[in-house]
């Protein structure tokens, strides 16, 4: 049985309320950016076309990872990301 604190943002946020905050080249970059946003209290969902454990490398945009946030947090996420560039 899962506890409320164990749920992922994807379980809590309706899929139609998620919007793209950033595209990252690979999972490593996405994890760093997710940590940055989550340290600011912004929940993040990662979405990728590849199962990273099955395909540990890729060519071109195949490894691209989307960082999704709640639509209400998008402006704040963009401010945080702009500040860190």
C-alpha atoms as a PDB file:
ATOM      1  CA  UNK A   1       0.000   0.000   0.000  1.00  0.00           C
ATOM      2  CA  UNK A   2       1.427   3.390  -0.922  1.00  0.00           C
ATOM      3  CA  UNK A   3       1.367   6.376   1.355  1.00  0.00           C
ATOM      4  CA  UNK A   4       0.376   9.864   0.121  1.00  0.00           C
ATOM      5  CA  UNK A   5       3.995  11.020   0.397  1.00  0.00           C
ATOM      6  CA  UNK A   6       5.142   8.145  -1.829  1.00  0.00           C
ATOM      7  CA  UNK A   7       3.111   9.220  -4.833  1.00  0.00           C
ATOM      8  CA  UNK A   8       4.838  10.758  -7.819  1.00  0.00           C
ATOM      9  CA  UNK A   9       3.806  14.153  -9.233  1.00  0.00           C
ATOM     10  CA  UNK A  10       2.284  12.315 -12.207  1.00  0.00           C
ATOM     11  CA  UNK A  11      -0.106  10.558  -9.806  1.00  0.00           C
ATOM     12  CA  UNK A  12      -1.138  13.827  -8.173  1.00  0.00           C
ATOM     13  CA  UNK A  13      -1.348  16.156 -11.178  1.00  0.00           C
ATOM     14  CA  UNK A  14      -3.839  15.504 -13.981  1.00  0.00           C
ATOM     15  CA  UNK A  15      -1.979  14.790 -17.223  1.00  0.00           C
ATOM     16  CA  UNK A  16      -3.754  17.615 -19.026  1.00  0.00           C
ATOM     17  CA  UNK A  17      -2.432  20.153 -16.502  1.00  0.00           C
ATOM     18  CA  UNK A  18       1.220  19.279 -17.239  1.00  0.00           C
ATOM     19  CA  UNK A  19       3.176  21.484 -19.630  1.00  0.00           C
ATOM     20  CA  UNK A  20       6.719  21.327 -20.962  1.00  0.00           C
ATOM     21  CA  UNK A  21       9.155  23.458 -18.992  1.00  0.00           C
ATOM     22  CA  UNK A  22      12.335  22.275 -20.726  1.00  0.00           C
ATOM     23  CA  UNK A  23      13.860  19.651 -23.011  1.00  0.00           C
ATOM     24  CA  UNK A  24      17.123  18.072 -21.924  1.00  0.00           C
ATOM     25  CA  UNK A  25      19.639  16.201 -24.079  1.00  0.00           C
ATOM     26  CA  UNK A  26      19.709  13.148 -21.837  1.00  0.00           C
ATOM     27  CA  UNK A  27      18.618  11.709 -18.521  1.00  0.00           C
ATOM     28  CA  UNK A  28      21.683  12.972 -16.642  1.00  0.00           C
ATOM     29  CA  UNK A  29      20.948  16.590 -17.558  1.00  0.00           C
ATOM     30  CA  UNK A  30      17.242  16.100 -16.829  1.00  0.00           C
ATOM     31  CA  UNK A  31      17.960  14.799 -13.323  1.00  0.00           C
ATOM     32  CA  UNK A  32      20.096  17.845 -12.518  1.00  0.00           C
ATOM     33  CA  UNK A  33      17.451  20.264 -13.793  1.00  0.00           C
ATOM     34  CA  UNK A  34      14.707  18.356 -11.959  1.00  0.00           C
ATOM     35  CA  UNK A  35      16.699  18.677  -8.724  1.00  0.00           C
ATOM     36  CA  UNK A  36      17.026  22.408  -9.254  1.00  0.00           C
ATOM     37  CA  UNK A  37      13.304  22.893  -9.844  1.00  0.00           C
ATOM     38  CA  UNK A  38      12.294  20.622  -6.977  1.00  0.00           C
ATOM     39  CA  UNK A  39      14.620  22.532  -4.635  1.00  0.00           C
ATOM     40  CA  UNK A  40      12.414  25.542  -5.426  1.00  0.00           C
ATOM     41  CA  UNK A  41       9.258  23.584  -4.585  1.00  0.00           C
ATOM     42  CA  UNK A  42       8.241  22.910  -8.185  1.00  0.00           C
ATOM     43  CA  UNK A  43       7.095  19.341  -8.832  1.00  0.00           C
ATOM     44  CA  UNK A  44       8.516  17.810 -11.989  1.00  0.00           C
ATOM     45  CA  UNK A  45       7.607  14.812 -14.131  1.00  0.00           C
ATOM     46  CA  UNK A  46      10.194  13.415 -16.556  1.00  0.00           C
ATOM     47  CA  UNK A  47       9.029  11.966 -19.867  1.00  0.00           C
ATOM     48  CA  UNK A  48      11.235  10.186 -22.384  1.00  0.00           C
ATOM     49  CA  UNK A  49      10.730   8.085 -25.482  1.00  0.00           C
ATOM     50  CA  UNK A  50      13.370   5.590 -24.381  1.00  0.00           C
ATOM     51  CA  UNK A  51      13.579   3.251 -21.454  1.00  0.00           C
ATOM     52  CA  UNK A  52      16.967   4.415 -20.166  1.00  0.00           C
ATOM     53  CA  UNK A  53      17.730   1.067 -18.528  1.00  0.00           C
ATOM     54  CA  UNK A  54      17.223  -0.755 -21.838  1.00  0.00           C
ATOM     55  CA  UNK A  55      18.896   1.813 -24.107  1.00  0.00           C
ATOM     56  CA  UNK A  56      21.739   3.387 -22.087  1.00  0.00           C
ATOM     57  CA  UNK A  57      22.953   5.379 -25.106  1.00  0.00           C
ATOM     58  CA  UNK A  58      21.304   6.899 -28.144  1.00  0.00           C
ATOM     59  CA  UNK A  59      21.859   8.959 -31.260  1.00  0.00           C
ATOM     60  CA  UNK A  60      20.563  12.473 -31.794  1.00  0.00           C
ATOM     61  CA  UNK A  61      17.316  13.415 -30.119  1.00  0.00           C
ATOM     62  CA  UNK A  62      16.388   9.874 -29.109  1.00  0.00           C
ATOM     63  CA  UNK A  63      17.640  10.379 -25.544  1.00  0.00           C
ATOM     64  CA  UNK A  64      15.781  13.680 -25.164  1.00  0.00           C
ATOM     65  CA  UNK A  65      13.889  14.011 -21.885  1.00  0.00           C
ATOM     66  CA  UNK A  66      10.987  16.400 -21.360  1.00  0.00           C
ATOM     67  CA  UNK A  67      10.566  18.088 -17.997  1.00  0.00           C
ATOM     68  CA  UNK A  68       6.882  18.652 -17.322  1.00  0.00           C
ATOM     69  CA  UNK A  69       5.475  20.888 -14.606  1.00  0.00           C
ATOM     70  CA  UNK A  70       1.988  21.959 -13.590  1.00  0.00           C
ATOM     71  CA  UNK A  71       0.709  24.741 -15.832  1.00  0.00           C
ATOM     72  CA  UNK A  72       0.384  26.951 -12.757  1.00  0.00           C
ATOM     73  CA  UNK A  73       4.138  26.531 -12.041  1.00  0.00           C
ATOM     74  CA  UNK A  74       5.412  27.134 -15.569  1.00  0.00           C
ATOM     75  CA  UNK A  75       6.254  30.824 -15.184  1.00  0.00           C
ATOM     76  CA  UNK A  76       8.075  30.214 -11.903  1.00  0.00           C
ATOM     77  CA  UNK A  77       9.988  27.277 -13.462  1.00  0.00           C
ATOM     78  CA  UNK A  78      11.086  29.460 -16.372  1.00  0.00           C
ATOM     79  CA  UNK A  79      12.297  32.152 -13.964  1.00  0.00           C
ATOM     80  CA  UNK A  80      14.322  29.596 -11.990  1.00  0.00           C
ATOM     81  CA  UNK A  81      15.828  28.137 -15.161  1.00  0.00           C
ATOM     82  CA  UNK A  82      16.673  31.558 -16.599  1.00  0.00           C
ATOM     83  CA  UNK A  83      18.360  32.540 -13.343  1.00  0.00           C
ATOM     84  CA  UNK A  84      20.640  29.495 -13.528  1.00  0.00           C
ATOM     85  CA  UNK A  85      21.863  29.999 -17.094  1.00  0.00           C
END
